[in-house]
PDB file of all heavy atoms in Angstrom:
ATOM      1  N   PRO A   1       0.833  -1.206   0.000  1.00  0.00           N
ATOM      2  CA  PRO A   1       0.000   0.000   0.000  1.00  0.00           C
ATOM      3  C   PRO A   1       0.866   1.254   0.000  1.00  0.00           C
ATOM      4  O   PRO A   1       1.943   1.287   0.596  1.00  0.00           O
ATOM      5  CB  PRO A   1      -0.807  -0.114   1.291  1.00  0.00           C
ATOM      6  CG  PRO A   1      -0.019  -1.029   2.163  1.00  0.00           C
ATOM      7  CD  PRO A   1       0.800  -1.904   1.274  1.00  0.00           C
ATOM      8  N   VAL A   2       0.403   2.291  -0.699  1.00  0.00           N
ATOM      9  CA  VAL A   2       1.138   3.547  -0.805  1.00  0.00           C
ATOM     10  C   VAL A   2       0.193   4.682  -0.415  1.00  0.00           C
ATOM     11  O   VAL A   2      -0.959   4.707  -0.848  1.00  0.00           O
ATOM     12  CB  VAL A   2       1.655   3.762  -2.248  1.00  0.00           C
ATOM     13  CG1 VAL A   2       2.331   5.106  -2.406  1.00  0.00           C
ATOM     14  CG2 VAL A   2       2.583   2.645  -2.656  1.00  0.00           C
ATOM     15  N   ALA A   3       0.680   5.617   0.393  1.00  0.00           N
ATOM     16  CA  ALA A   3      -0.123   6.784   0.787  1.00  0.00           C
ATOM     17  C   ALA A   3       0.110   7.909  -0.209  1.00  0.00           C
ATOM     18  O   ALA A   3       1.252   8.210  -0.577  1.00  0.00           O
ATOM     19  CB  ALA A   3       0.249   7.244   2.187  1.00  0.00           C
ATOM     20  N   LEU A   4      -0.969   8.533  -0.670  1.00  0.00           N
ATOM     21  CA  LEU A   4      -0.900   9.675  -1.565  1.00  0.00           C
ATOM     22  C   LEU A   4      -1.704  10.820  -0.985  1.00  0.00           C
ATOM     23  O   LEU A   4      -2.761  10.597  -0.387  1.00  0.00           O
ATOM     24  CB  LEU A   4      -1.510   9.344  -2.932  1.00  0.00           C
ATOM     25  CG  LEU A   4      -0.873   8.261  -3.777  1.00  0.00           C
ATOM     26  CD1 LEU A   4      -1.723   7.999  -5.013  1.00  0.00           C
ATOM     27  CD2 LEU A   4       0.521   8.653  -4.185  1.00  0.00           C
ATOM     28  N   THR A   5      -1.217  12.030  -1.161  1.00  0.00           N
ATOM     29  CA  THR A   5      -2.024  13.197  -0.846  1.00  0.00           C
ATOM     30  C   THR A   5      -2.724  13.570  -2.143  1.00  0.00           C
ATOM     31  O   THR A   5      -2.078  13.795  -3.154  1.00  0.00           O
ATOM     32  CB  THR A   5      -1.151  14.363  -0.348  1.00  0.00           C
ATOM     33  OG1 THR A   5      -0.470  13.937   0.829  1.00  0.00           O
ATOM     34  CG2 THR A   5      -1.998  15.578  -0.025  1.00  0.00           C
ATOM     35  N   ARG A   6      -4.048  13.603  -2.097  1.00  0.00           N
ATOM     36  CA  ARG A   6      -4.830  13.836  -3.303  1.00  0.00           C
ATOM     37  C   ARG A   6      -5.760  15.027  -3.103  1.00  0.00           C
ATOM     38  O   ARG A   6      -6.452  15.122  -2.105  1.00  0.00           O
ATOM     39  CB  ARG A   6      -5.638  12.592  -3.633  1.00  0.00           C
ATOM     40  CG  ARG A   6      -6.460  12.708  -4.900  1.00  0.00           C
ATOM     41  CD  ARG A   6      -7.123  11.409  -5.248  1.00  0.00           C
ATOM     42  NE  ARG A   6      -6.126  10.449  -5.703  1.00  0.00           N
ATOM     43  CZ  ARG A   6      -6.321   9.142  -5.767  1.00  0.00           C
ATOM     44  NH1 ARG A   6      -7.470   8.632  -5.399  1.00  0.00           N
ATOM     45  NH2 ARG A   6      -5.373   8.345  -6.203  1.00  0.00           N
ATOM     46  N   CYS A   7      -5.750  15.921  -4.063  1.00  0.00           N
ATOM     47  CA  CYS A   7      -6.641  17.073  -4.060  1.00  0.00           C
ATOM     48  C   CYS A   7      -7.497  16.947  -5.310  1.00  0.00           C
ATOM     49  O   CYS A   7      -6.961  16.764  -6.404  1.00  0.00           O
ATOM     50  CB  CYS A   7      -5.819  18.356  -4.090  1.00  0.00           C
ATOM     51  SG  CYS A   7      -6.782  19.838  -3.849  1.00  0.00           S
ATOM     52  N   SER A   8      -8.817  17.009  -5.148  1.00  0.00           N
ATOM     53  CA  SER A   8      -9.672  16.783  -6.299  1.00  0.00           C
ATOM     54  C   SER A   8     -10.917  17.655  -6.253  1.00  0.00           C
ATOM     55  O   SER A   8     -11.297  18.164  -5.203  1.00  0.00           O
ATOM     56  CB  SER A   8     -10.082  15.309  -6.380  1.00  0.00           C
ATOM     57  OG  SER A   8     -10.808  14.932  -5.224  1.00  0.00           O
ATOM     58  N   ALA A   9     -11.530  17.813  -7.410  1.00  0.00           N
ATOM     59  CA  ALA A   9     -12.784  18.555  -7.542  1.00  0.00           C
ATOM     60  C   ALA A   9     -13.565  17.956  -8.693  1.00  0.00           C
ATOM     61  O   ALA A   9     -12.987  17.451  -9.656  1.00  0.00           O
ATOM     62  CB  ALA A   9     -12.520  20.028  -7.805  1.00  0.00           C
ATOM     63  N   ARG A  10     -14.873  18.020  -8.582  1.00  0.00           N
ATOM     64  CA  ARG A  10     -15.748  17.531  -9.629  1.00  0.00           C
ATOM     65  C   ARG A  10     -16.394  18.701 -10.355  1.00  0.00           C
ATOM     66  O   ARG A  10     -16.672  19.726  -9.743  1.00  0.00           O
ATOM     67  CB  ARG A  10     -16.843  16.629  -9.059  1.00  0.00           C
ATOM     68  CG  ARG A  10     -16.376  15.213  -8.902  1.00  0.00           C
ATOM     69  CD  ARG A  10     -16.301  14.828  -7.441  1.00  0.00           C
ATOM     70  NE  ARG A  10     -15.653  13.534  -7.273  1.00  0.00           N
ATOM     71  CZ  ARG A  10     -14.430  13.396  -6.791  1.00  0.00           C
ATOM     72  NH1 ARG A  10     -13.723  14.437  -6.466  1.00  0.00           N
ATOM     73  NH2 ARG A  10     -13.892  12.208  -6.643  1.00  0.00           N
ATOM     74  N   ALA A  11     -16.633  18.512 -11.643  1.00  0.00           N
ATOM     75  CA  ALA A  11     -17.261  19.550 -12.460  1.00  0.00           C
ATOM     76  C   ALA A  11     -18.044  18.858 -13.560  1.00  0.00           C
ATOM     77  O   ALA A  11     -17.945  17.645 -13.744  1.00  0.00           O
ATOM     78  CB  ALA A  11     -16.201  20.468 -13.056  1.00  0.00           C
ATOM     79  N   TYR A  12     -18.836  19.625 -14.297  1.00  0.00           N
ATOM     80  CA  TYR A  12     -19.514  19.118 -15.484  1.00  0.00           C
ATOM     81  C   TYR A  12     -18.884  19.771 -16.694  1.00  0.00           C
ATOM     82  O   TYR A  12     -18.540  20.947 -16.665  1.00  0.00           O
ATOM     83  CB  TYR A  12     -21.008  19.439 -15.459  1.00  0.00           C
ATOM     84  CG  TYR A  12     -21.805  18.531 -14.572  1.00  0.00           C
ATOM     85  CD1 TYR A  12     -22.438  19.010 -13.443  1.00  0.00           C
ATOM     86  CD2 TYR A  12     -21.922  17.176 -14.873  1.00  0.00           C
ATOM     87  CE1 TYR A  12     -23.174  18.168 -12.625  1.00  0.00           C
ATOM     88  CE2 TYR A  12     -22.652  16.327 -14.060  1.00  0.00           C
ATOM     89  CZ  TYR A  12     -23.276  16.831 -12.944  1.00  0.00           C
ATOM     90  OH  TYR A  12     -23.997  15.992 -12.142  1.00  0.00           O
ATOM     91  N   GLY A  13     -18.734  18.986 -17.760  1.00  0.00           N
ATOM     92  CA  GLY A  13     -18.135  19.548 -18.951  1.00  0.00           C
ATOM     93  C   GLY A  13     -18.707  18.971 -20.217  1.00  0.00           C
ATOM     94  O   GLY A  13     -18.916  17.767 -20.313  1.00  0.00           O
ATOM     95  N   PRO A  14     -18.939  19.827 -21.194  1.00  0.00           N
ATOM     96  CA  PRO A  14     -19.454  19.351 -22.469  1.00  0.00           C
ATOM     97  C   PRO A  14     -18.374  18.757 -23.370  1.00  0.00           C
ATOM     98  O   PRO A  14     -18.653  17.997 -24.277  1.00  0.00           O
ATOM     99  CB  PRO A  14     -20.038  20.614 -23.101  1.00  0.00           C
ATOM    100  CG  PRO A  14     -19.223  21.722 -22.509  1.00  0.00           C
ATOM    101  CD  PRO A  14     -18.854  21.274 -21.127  1.00  0.00           C
ATOM    102  N   GLY A  15     -17.120  19.110 -23.122  1.00  0.00           N
ATOM    103  CA  GLY A  15     -16.035  18.667 -23.995  1.00  0.00           C
ATOM    104  C   GLY A  15     -15.523  17.299 -23.616  1.00  0.00           C
ATOM    105  O   GLY A  15     -15.884  16.729 -22.602  1.00  0.00           O
ATOM    106  N   ASP A  16     -14.642  16.770 -24.452  1.00  0.00           N
ATOM    107  CA  ASP A  16     -14.083  15.443 -24.184  1.00  0.00           C
ATOM    108  C   ASP A  16     -12.577  15.500 -23.940  1.00  0.00           C
ATOM    109  O   ASP A  16     -11.872  14.525 -24.145  1.00  0.00           O
ATOM    110  CB  ASP A  16     -14.410  14.491 -25.332  1.00  0.00           C
ATOM    111  CG  ASP A  16     -13.750  14.890 -26.643  1.00  0.00           C
ATOM    112  OD1 ASP A  16     -13.291  16.042 -26.738  1.00  0.00           O
ATOM    113  OD2 ASP A  16     -13.689  14.062 -27.561  1.00  0.00           O
ATOM    114  N   LEU A  17     -12.071  16.651 -23.487  1.00  0.00           N
ATOM    115  CA  LEU A  17     -10.641  16.770 -23.189  1.00  0.00           C
ATOM    116  C   LEU A  17     -10.272  15.851 -22.030  1.00  0.00           C
ATOM    117  O   LEU A  17     -10.962  15.803 -21.018  1.00  0.00           O
ATOM    118  CB  LEU A  17     -10.298  18.224 -22.836  1.00  0.00           C
ATOM    119  CG  LEU A  17      -8.851  18.483 -22.384  1.00  0.00           C
ATOM    120  CD1 LEU A  17      -7.873  18.237 -23.526  1.00  0.00           C
ATOM    121  CD2 LEU A  17      -8.700  19.899 -21.878  1.00  0.00           C
ATOM    122  N   ARG A  18      -9.190  15.114 -22.201  1.00  0.00           N
ATOM    123  CA  ARG A  18      -8.608  14.301 -21.136  1.00  0.00           C
ATOM    124  C   ARG A  18      -7.106  14.522 -21.183  1.00  0.00           C
ATOM    125  O   ARG A  18      -6.514  14.573 -22.258  1.00  0.00           O
ATOM    126  CB  ARG A  18      -8.905  12.817 -21.353  1.00  0.00           C
ATOM    127  CG  ARG A  18     -10.353  12.445 -21.227  1.00  0.00           C
ATOM    128  CD  ARG A  18     -10.576  10.940 -21.398  1.00  0.00           C
ATOM    129  NE  ARG A  18      -9.892  10.349 -22.542  1.00  0.00           N
ATOM    130  CZ  ARG A  18     -10.343  10.339 -23.784  1.00  0.00           C
ATOM    131  NH1 ARG A  18     -11.485  10.917 -24.077  1.00  0.00           N
ATOM    132  NH2 ARG A  18      -9.649   9.775 -24.754  1.00  0.00           N
ATOM    133  N   PHE A  19      -6.481  14.651 -20.019  1.00  0.00           N
ATOM    134  CA  PHE A  19      -5.030  14.807 -20.014  1.00  0.00           C
ATOM    135  C   PHE A  19      -4.431  14.310 -18.707  1.00  0.00           C
ATOM    136  O   PHE A  19      -5.125  14.172 -17.702  1.00  0.00           O
ATOM    137  CB  PHE A  19      -4.608  16.254 -20.276  1.00  0.00           C
ATOM    138  CG  PHE A  19      -5.028  17.247 -19.223  1.00  0.00           C
ATOM    139  CD1 PHE A  19      -4.355  17.358 -18.015  1.00  0.00           C
ATOM    140  CD2 PHE A  19      -6.093  18.100 -19.455  1.00  0.00           C
ATOM    141  CE1 PHE A  19      -4.740  18.281 -17.069  1.00  0.00           C
ATOM    142  CE2 PHE A  19      -6.482  19.024 -18.518  1.00  0.00           C
ATOM    143  CZ  PHE A  19      -5.799  19.113 -17.314  1.00  0.00           C
ATOM    144  N   LYS A  20      -3.122  14.042 -18.772  1.00  0.00           N
ATOM    145  CA  LYS A  20      -2.308  13.726 -17.606  1.00  0.00           C
ATOM    146  C   LYS A  20      -1.015  14.493 -17.769  1.00  0.00           C
ATOM    147  O   LYS A  20      -0.428  14.517 -18.855  1.00  0.00           O
ATOM    148  CB  LYS A  20      -1.990  12.237 -17.522  1.00  0.00           C
ATOM    149  CG  LYS A  20      -3.181  11.365 -17.228  1.00  0.00           C
ATOM    150  CD  LYS A  20      -2.763   9.913 -17.125  1.00  0.00           C
ATOM    151  CE  LYS A  20      -3.979   9.047 -16.874  1.00  0.00           C
ATOM    152  NZ  LYS A  20      -3.637   7.638 -16.769  1.00  0.00           N
ATOM    153  N   VAL A  21      -0.564  15.113 -16.698  1.00  0.00           N
ATOM    154  CA  VAL A  21       0.715  15.827 -16.691  1.00  0.00           C
ATOM    155  C   VAL A  21       1.451  15.382 -15.439  1.00  0.00           C
ATOM    156  O   VAL A  21       0.892  15.437 -14.342  1.00  0.00           O
ATOM    157  CB  VAL A  21       0.512  17.363 -16.661  1.00  0.00           C
ATOM    158  CG1 VAL A  21       1.855  18.073 -16.672  1.00  0.00           C
ATOM    159  CG2 VAL A  21      -0.338  17.819 -17.830  1.00  0.00           C
ATOM    160  N   TYR A  22       2.685  14.921 -15.613  1.00  0.00           N
ATOM    161  CA  TYR A  22       3.443  14.446 -14.457  1.00  0.00           C
ATOM    162  C   TYR A  22       4.934  14.698 -14.681  1.00  0.00           C
ATOM    163  O   TYR A  22       5.376  14.894 -15.818  1.00  0.00           O
ATOM    164  CB  TYR A  22       3.157  12.965 -14.178  1.00  0.00           C
ATOM    165  CG  TYR A  22       3.309  12.047 -15.372  1.00  0.00           C
ATOM    166  CD1 TYR A  22       4.504  11.404 -15.646  1.00  0.00           C
ATOM    167  CD2 TYR A  22       2.231  11.829 -16.231  1.00  0.00           C
ATOM    168  CE1 TYR A  22       4.630  10.571 -16.725  1.00  0.00           C
ATOM    169  CE2 TYR A  22       2.356  10.994 -17.320  1.00  0.00           C
ATOM    170  CZ  TYR A  22       3.555  10.356 -17.563  1.00  0.00           C
ATOM    171  OH  TYR A  22       3.681   9.535 -18.648  1.00  0.00           O
ATOM    172  N   PRO A  23       5.733  14.699 -13.597  1.00  0.00           N
ATOM    173  CA  PRO A  23       7.162  14.993 -13.739  1.00  0.00           C
ATOM    174  C   PRO A  23       7.901  13.871 -14.459  1.00  0.00           C
ATOM    175  O   PRO A  23       7.524  12.706 -14.362  1.00  0.00           O
ATOM    176  CB  PRO A  23       7.663  15.127 -12.301  1.00  0.00           C
ATOM    177  CG  PRO A  23       6.555  14.773 -11.419  1.00  0.00           C
ATOM    178  CD  PRO A  23       5.333  14.534 -12.224  1.00  0.00           C
ATOM    179  N   LYS A  24       8.945  14.247 -15.168  1.00  0.00           N
ATOM    180  CA  LYS A  24       9.788  13.249 -15.821  1.00  0.00           C
ATOM    181  C   LYS A  24      10.543  12.469 -14.758  1.00  0.00           C
ATOM    182  O   LYS A  24      11.020  13.027 -13.786  1.00  0.00           O
ATOM    183  CB  LYS A  24      10.788  13.922 -16.766  1.00  0.00           C
ATOM    184  CG  LYS A  24      10.170  14.357 -18.047  1.00  0.00           C
ATOM    185  CD  LYS A  24      11.192  14.759 -19.069  1.00  0.00           C
ATOM    186  CE  LYS A  24      10.488  15.083 -20.374  1.00  0.00           C
ATOM    187  NZ  LYS A  24      11.402  15.574 -21.381  1.00  0.00           N
TER     188      LYS A  24
END
């Protein structure tokens, strides 16, 4: 098991944009 600090929010959107950005 790994502990993560997660910050999140929910919204509604008409578009289909999906992305991930993370450090190299």
